[in-house]
Amino acid sequence: MIKKDWLIVASELPFSEPAEGETLATHAPNFWKWLRRSVADNDRKADRVLSALFMVLANRYDWQLFS
């Protein structure tokens, strides 16, 4: 099975699409508050922090593609 996003290559766990209306702000409010506070409500900085967390959690080594 080929994963189109290449997120997990060592695991065959199926991932489902987010439910309609599912967001970080509503489903992880404490994380969202921390994120928004840590970047002083700057959307661009928030995107960069989320990208960095994604790369760490996904074991990505091609960091330059996300900057």
PDB file of N, CA and C in Angstrom:
ATOM      1  N   MET A   1       0.837  -1.185   0.000  1.00  0.00           N
ATOM      2  CA  MET A   1       0.000   0.000   0.000  1.00  0.00           C
ATOM      3  C   MET A   1       0.881   1.247   0.000  1.00  0.00           C
ATOM      4  N   ILE A   2       0.672   2.141  -0.918  1.00  0.00           N
ATOM      5  CA  ILE A   2       1.447   3.373  -1.013  1.00  0.00           C
ATOM      6  C   ILE A   2       0.696   4.480  -0.291  1.00  0.00           C
ATOM      7  N   LYS A   3       1.394   5.128   0.619  1.00  0.00           N
ATOM      8  CA  LYS A   3       0.791   6.247   1.341  1.00  0.00           C
ATOM      9  C   LYS A   3       1.062   7.518   0.561  1.00  0.00           C
ATOM     10  N   LYS A   4       0.025   8.257   0.252  1.00  0.00           N
ATOM     11  CA  LYS A   4       0.196   9.422  -0.604  1.00  0.00           C
ATOM     12  C   LYS A   4       0.912  10.573   0.085  1.00  0.00           C
ATOM     13  N   ASP A   5       0.878  10.634   1.430  1.00  0.00           N
ATOM     14  CA  ASP A   5       1.541  11.745   2.106  1.00  0.00           C
ATOM     15  C   ASP A   5       2.892  11.347   2.697  1.00  0.00           C
ATOM     16  N   TRP A   6       3.247  10.096   2.621  1.00  0.00           N
ATOM     17  CA  TRP A   6       4.526   9.581   3.114  1.00  0.00           C
ATOM     18  C   TRP A   6       4.754   9.878   4.591  1.00  0.00           C
ATOM     19  N   LEU A   7       3.683  10.084   5.350  1.00  0.00           N
ATOM     20  CA  LEU A   7       3.828  10.442   6.755  1.00  0.00           C
ATOM     21  C   LEU A   7       4.426   9.297   7.566  1.00  0.00           C
ATOM     22  N   ILE A   8       3.857   8.141   7.446  1.00  0.00           N
ATOM     23  CA  ILE A   8       4.349   6.997   8.197  1.00  0.00           C
ATOM     24  C   ILE A   8       4.787   5.930   7.194  1.00  0.00           C
ATOM     25  N   VAL A   9       6.052   5.591   7.201  1.00  0.00           N
ATOM     26  CA  VAL A   9       6.520   4.571   6.272  1.00  0.00           C
ATOM     27  C   VAL A   9       6.769   3.243   6.973  1.00  0.00           C
ATOM     28  N   ALA A  10       6.932   3.250   8.294  1.00  0.00           N
ATOM     29  CA  ALA A  10       7.221   2.024   9.017  1.00  0.00           C
ATOM     30  C   ALA A  10       5.968   1.387   9.595  1.00  0.00           C
ATOM     31  N   SER A  11       4.845   2.042   9.465  1.00  0.00           N
ATOM     32  CA  SER A  11       3.616   1.547  10.060  1.00  0.00           C
ATOM     33  C   SER A  11       2.529   1.421   9.001  1.00  0.00           C
ATOM     34  N   GLU A  12       1.742   0.401   9.136  1.00  0.00           N
ATOM     35  CA  GLU A  12       0.628   0.203   8.210  1.00  0.00           C
ATOM     36  C   GLU A  12      -0.701   0.604   8.839  1.00  0.00           C
ATOM     37  N   LEU A  13      -0.653   1.429   9.875  1.00  0.00           N
ATOM     38  CA  LEU A  13      -1.884   1.872  10.522  1.00  0.00           C
ATOM     39  C   LEU A  13      -2.691   2.747   9.574  1.00  0.00           C
ATOM     40  N   PRO A  14      -3.968   2.500   9.491  1.00  0.00           N
ATOM     41  CA  PRO A  14      -4.800   3.360   8.631  1.00  0.00           C
ATOM     42  C   PRO A  14      -5.114   4.682   9.333  1.00  0.00           C
ATOM     43  N   PHE A  15      -5.076   5.756   8.596  1.00  0.00           N
ATOM     44  CA  PHE A  15      -5.422   7.067   9.128  1.00  0.00           C
ATOM     45  C   PHE A  15      -6.679   7.543   8.430  1.00  0.00           C
ATOM     46  N   SER A  16      -7.590   8.096   9.191  1.00  0.00           N
ATOM     47  CA  SER A  16      -8.840   8.587   8.605  1.00  0.00           C
ATOM     48  C   SER A  16      -8.768  10.094   8.416  1.00  0.00           C
ATOM     49  N   GLU A  17      -9.604  10.579   7.548  1.00  0.00           N
ATOM     50  CA  GLU A  17      -9.700  12.016   7.325  1.00  0.00           C
ATOM     51  C   GLU A  17     -10.331  12.665   8.553  1.00  0.00           C
ATOM     52  N   PRO A  18     -10.016  13.933   8.820  1.00  0.00           N
ATOM     53  CA  PRO A  18     -10.651  14.602   9.961  1.00  0.00           C
ATOM     54  C   PRO A  18     -12.160  14.706   9.761  1.00  0.00           C
ATOM     55  N   ALA A  19     -12.881  14.643  10.864  1.00  0.00           N
ATOM     56  CA  ALA A  19     -14.335  14.788  10.799  1.00  0.00           C
ATOM     57  C   ALA A  19     -14.686  16.217  10.397  1.00  0.00           C
ATOM     58  N   GLU A  20     -15.848  16.383   9.850  1.00  0.00           N
ATOM     59  CA  GLU A  20     -16.282  17.715   9.434  1.00  0.00           C
ATOM     60  C   GLU A  20     -16.325  18.638  10.650  1.00  0.00           C
ATOM     61  N   GLY A  21     -15.661  19.771  10.534  1.00  0.00           N
ATOM     62  CA  GLY A  21     -15.621  20.738  11.625  1.00  0.00           C
ATOM     63  C   GLY A  21     -14.563  20.455  12.681  1.00  0.00           C
ATOM     64  N   GLU A  22     -13.775  19.400  12.507  1.00  0.00           N
ATOM     65  CA  GLU A  22     -12.741  19.062  13.480  1.00  0.00           C
ATOM     66  C   GLU A  22     -11.534  19.977  13.287  1.00  0.00           C
ATOM     67  N   THR A  23     -11.173  20.701  14.328  1.00  0.00           N
ATOM     68  CA  THR A  23     -10.027  21.610  14.280  1.00  0.00           C
ATOM     69  C   THR A  23      -9.212  21.477  15.555  1.00  0.00           C
ATOM     70  N   LEU A  24      -7.992  21.960  15.525  1.00  0.00           N
ATOM     71  CA  LEU A  24      -7.178  21.968  16.738  1.00  0.00           C
ATOM     72  C   LEU A  24      -7.804  22.854  17.803  1.00  0.00           C
ATOM     73  N   ALA A  25      -8.356  23.971  17.393  1.00  0.00           N
ATOM     74  CA  ALA A  25      -8.935  24.916  18.349  1.00  0.00           C
ATOM     75  C   ALA A  25     -10.097  24.305  19.125  1.00  0.00           C
ATOM     76  N   THR A  26     -10.886  23.456  18.485  1.00  0.00           N
ATOM     77  CA  THR A  26     -12.039  22.872  19.173  1.00  0.00           C
ATOM     78  C   THR A  26     -11.735  21.528  19.823  1.00  0.00           C
ATOM     79  N   HIS A  27     -10.799  20.764  19.276  1.00  0.00           N
ATOM     80  CA  HIS A  27     -10.530  19.428  19.801  1.00  0.00           C
ATOM     81  C   HIS A  27      -9.274  19.353  20.671  1.00  0.00           C
ATOM     82  N   ALA A  28      -8.452  20.371  20.650  1.00  0.00           N
ATOM     83  CA  ALA A  28      -7.264  20.441  21.516  1.00  0.00           C
ATOM     84  C   ALA A  28      -7.103  21.887  21.984  1.00  0.00           C
ATOM     85  N   PRO A  29      -8.072  22.381  22.757  1.00  0.00           N
ATOM     86  CA  PRO A  29      -8.070  23.804  23.102  1.00  0.00           C
ATOM     87  C   PRO A  29      -6.860  24.251  23.913  1.00  0.00           C
ATOM     88  N   ASN A  30      -6.360  23.414  24.813  1.00  0.00           N
ATOM     89  CA  ASN A  30      -5.191  23.823  25.598  1.00  0.00           C
ATOM     90  C   ASN A  30      -3.940  23.930  24.735  1.00  0.00           C
ATOM     91  N   PHE A  31      -3.762  22.986  23.814  1.00  0.00           N
ATOM     92  CA  PHE A  31      -2.633  23.078  22.892  1.00  0.00           C
ATOM     93  C   PHE A  31      -2.762  24.333  22.036  1.00  0.00           C
ATOM     94  N   TRP A  32      -3.959  24.594  21.536  1.00  0.00           N
ATOM     95  CA  TRP A  32      -4.180  25.759  20.684  1.00  0.00           C
ATOM     96  C   TRP A  32      -3.896  27.055  21.439  1.00  0.00           C
ATOM     97  N   LYS A  33      -4.328  27.136  22.704  1.00  0.00           N
ATOM     98  CA  LYS A  33      -4.055  28.334  23.515  1.00  0.00           C
ATOM     99  C   LYS A  33      -2.555  28.507  23.715  1.00  0.00           C
ATOM    100  N   TRP A  34      -1.856  27.396  24.006  1.00  0.00           N
ATOM    101  CA  TRP A  34      -0.410  27.478  24.183  1.00  0.00           C
ATOM    102  C   TRP A  34       0.261  27.942  22.897  1.00  0.00           C
ATOM    103  N   LEU A  35      -0.133  27.353  21.781  1.00  0.00           N
ATOM    104  CA  LEU A  35       0.467  27.715  20.497  1.00  0.00           C
ATOM    105  C   LEU A  35       0.251  29.189  20.194  1.00  0.00           C
ATOM    106  N   ARG A  36      -0.978  29.653  20.296  1.00  0.00           N
ATOM    107  CA  ARG A  36      -1.290  31.054  19.974  1.00  0.00           C
ATOM    108  C   ARG A  36      -0.548  32.005  20.907  1.00  0.00           C
ATOM    109  N   ARG A  37      -0.436  31.638  22.177  1.00  0.00           N
ATOM    110  CA  ARG A  37       0.276  32.505  23.116  1.00  0.00           C
ATOM    111  C   ARG A  37       1.780  32.503  22.832  1.00  0.00           C
ATOM    112  N   SER A  38       2.321  31.339  22.519  1.00  0.00           N
ATOM    113  CA  SER A  38       3.767  31.243  22.308  1.00  0.00           C
ATOM    114  C   SER A  38       4.232  31.974  21.053  1.00  0.00           C
ATOM    115  N   VAL A  39       3.348  32.185  20.090  1.00  0.00           N
ATOM    116  CA  VAL A  39       3.725  32.897  18.865  1.00  0.00           C
ATOM    117  C   VAL A  39       3.107  34.291  18.802  1.00  0.00           C
ATOM    118  N   ALA A  40       2.582  34.762  19.923  1.00  0.00           N
ATOM    119  CA  ALA A  40       1.985  36.103  20.024  1.00  0.00           C
ATOM    120  C   ALA A  40       0.896  36.316  18.971  1.00  0.00           C
ATOM    121  N   ASP A  41       0.068  35.294  18.755  1.00  0.00           N
ATOM    122  CA  ASP A  41      -1.048  35.347  17.794  1.00  0.00           C
ATOM    123  C   ASP A  41      -0.617  35.652  16.365  1.00  0.00           C
ATOM    124  N   ASN A  42       0.606  35.285  16.021  1.00  0.00           N
ATOM    125  CA  ASN A  42       1.117  35.492  14.668  1.00  0.00           C
ATOM    126  C   ASN A  42       0.871  34.214  13.857  1.00  0.00           C
ATOM    127  N   ASP A  43       0.015  34.303  12.841  1.00  0.00           N
ATOM    128  CA  ASP A  43      -0.348  33.123  12.050  1.00  0.00           C
ATOM    129  C   ASP A  43       0.847  32.496  11.340  1.00  0.00           C
ATOM    130  N   ARG A  44       1.730  33.322  10.817  1.00  0.00           N
ATOM    131  CA  ARG A  44       2.896  32.792  10.098  1.00  0.00           C
ATOM    132  C   ARG A  44       3.805  31.990  11.034  1.00  0.00           C
ATOM    133  N   LYS A  45       4.028  32.538  12.236  1.00  0.00           N
ATOM    134  CA  LYS A  45       4.854  31.823  13.204  1.00  0.00           C
ATOM    135  C   LYS A  45       4.169  30.538  13.668  1.00  0.00           C
ATOM    136  N   ALA A  46       2.861  30.581  13.827  1.00  0.00           N
ATOM    137  CA  ALA A  46       2.120  29.386  14.238  1.00  0.00           C
ATOM    138  C   ALA A  46       2.272  28.281  13.193  1.00  0.00           C
ATOM    139  N   ASP A  47       2.190  28.642  11.923  1.00  0.00           N
ATOM    140  CA  ASP A  47       2.370  27.655  10.855  1.00  0.00           C
ATOM    141  C   ASP A  47       3.761  27.035  10.904  1.00  0.00           C
ATOM    142  N   ARG A  48       4.753  27.838  11.205  1.00  0.00           N
ATOM    143  CA  ARG A  48       6.126  27.319  11.277  1.00  0.00           C
ATOM    144  C   ARG A  48       6.313  26.375  12.455  1.00  0.00           C
ATOM    145  N   VAL A  49       5.718  26.719  13.600  1.00  0.00           N
ATOM    146  CA  VAL A  49       5.805  25.835  14.766  1.00  0.00           C
ATOM    147  C   VAL A  49       5.091  24.518  14.474  1.00  0.00           C
ATOM    148  N   LEU A  50       3.913  24.590  13.869  1.00  0.00           N
ATOM    149  CA  LEU A  50       3.181  23.370  13.518  1.00  0.00           C
ATOM    150  C   LEU A  50       3.966  22.525  12.516  1.00  0.00           C
ATOM    151  N   SER A  51       4.632  23.170  11.568  1.00  0.00           N
ATOM    152  CA  SER A  51       5.462  22.436  10.600  1.00  0.00           C
ATOM    153  C   SER A  51       6.613  21.733  11.295  1.00  0.00           C
ATOM    154  N   ALA A  52       7.256  22.432  12.230  1.00  0.00           N
ATOM    155  CA  ALA A  52       8.374  21.835  12.958  1.00  0.00           C
ATOM    156  C   ALA A  52       7.905  20.646  13.790  1.00  0.00           C
ATOM    157  N   LEU A  53       6.769  20.778  14.453  1.00  0.00           N
ATOM    158  CA  LEU A  53       6.232  19.666  15.236  1.00  0.00           C
ATOM    159  C   LEU A  53       5.885  18.485  14.336  1.00  0.00           C
ATOM    160  N   PHE A  54       5.319  18.765  13.178  1.00  0.00           N
ATOM    161  CA  PHE A  54       5.004  17.704  12.220  1.00  0.00           C
ATOM    162  C   PHE A  54       6.270  16.957  11.815  1.00  0.00           C
ATOM    163  N   MET A  55       7.336  17.695  11.532  1.00  0.00           N
ATOM    164  CA  MET A  55       8.576  17.062  11.085  1.00  0.00           C
ATOM    165  C   MET A  55       9.181  16.194  12.179  1.00  0.00           C
ATOM    166  N   VAL A  56       9.114  16.667  13.428  1.00  0.00           N
ATOM    167  CA  VAL A  56       9.641  15.879  14.539  1.00  0.00           C
ATOM    168  C   VAL A  56       8.810  14.613  14.727  1.00  0.00           C
ATOM    169  N   LEU A  57       7.492  14.759  14.746  1.00  0.00           N
ATOM    170  CA  LEU A  57       6.623  13.605  14.977  1.00  0.00           C
ATOM    171  C   LEU A  57       6.657  12.608  13.820  1.00  0.00           C
ATOM    172  N   ALA A  58       6.900  13.086  12.615  1.00  0.00           N
ATOM    173  CA  ALA A  58       6.918  12.211  11.443  1.00  0.00           C
ATOM    174  C   ALA A  58       8.321  11.727  11.088  1.00  0.00           C
ATOM    175  N   ASN A  59       9.331  12.108  11.895  1.00  0.00           N
ATOM    176  CA  ASN A  59      10.718  11.737  11.606  1.00  0.00           C
ATOM    177  C   ASN A  59      11.153  12.214  10.233  1.00  0.00           C
ATOM    178  N   ARG A  60      10.789  13.407   9.873  1.00  0.00           N
ATOM    179  CA  ARG A  60      11.172  13.956   8.576  1.00  0.00           C
ATOM    180  C   ARG A  60      12.565  14.568   8.680  1.00  0.00           C
ATOM    181  N   TYR A  61      13.362  14.352   7.668  1.00  0.00           N
ATOM    182  CA  TYR A  61      14.709  14.900   7.648  1.00  0.00           C
ATOM    183  C   TYR A  61      14.890  15.927   6.540  1.00  0.00           C
ATOM    184  N   ASP A  62      13.851  16.185   5.770  1.00  0.00           N
ATOM    185  CA  ASP A  62      13.947  17.168   4.693  1.00  0.00           C
ATOM    186  C   ASP A  62      13.366  18.510   5.146  1.00  0.00           C
ATOM    187  N   TRP A  63      13.933  19.043   6.209  1.00  0.00           N
ATOM    188  CA  TRP A  63      13.454  20.270   6.833  1.00  0.00           C
ATOM    189  C   TRP A  63      13.415  21.444   5.864  1.00  0.00           C
ATOM    190  N   GLN A  64      14.358  21.519   4.951  1.00  0.00           N
ATOM    191  CA  GLN A  64      14.450  22.675   4.061  1.00  0.00           C
ATOM    192  C   GLN A  64      13.217  22.817   3.175  1.00  0.00           C
ATOM    193  N   LEU A  65      12.471  21.769   2.955  1.00  0.00           N
ATOM    194  CA  LEU A  65      11.279  21.851   2.115  1.00  0.00           C
ATOM    195  C   LEU A  65      10.132  22.576   2.803  1.00  0.00           C
ATOM    196  N   PHE A  66      10.200  22.715   4.113  1.00  0.00           N
ATOM    197  CA  PHE A  66       9.106  23.305   4.868  1.00  0.00           C
ATOM    198  C   PHE A  66       9.371  24.737   5.302  1.00  0.00           C
ATOM    199  N   SER A  67      10.509  25.295   4.980  1.00  0.00           N
ATOM    200  CA  SER A  67      10.811  26.652   5.458  1.00  0.00           C
ATOM    201  C   SER A  67      10.343  27.716   4.493  1.00  0.00           C
TER     202      SER A  67
END
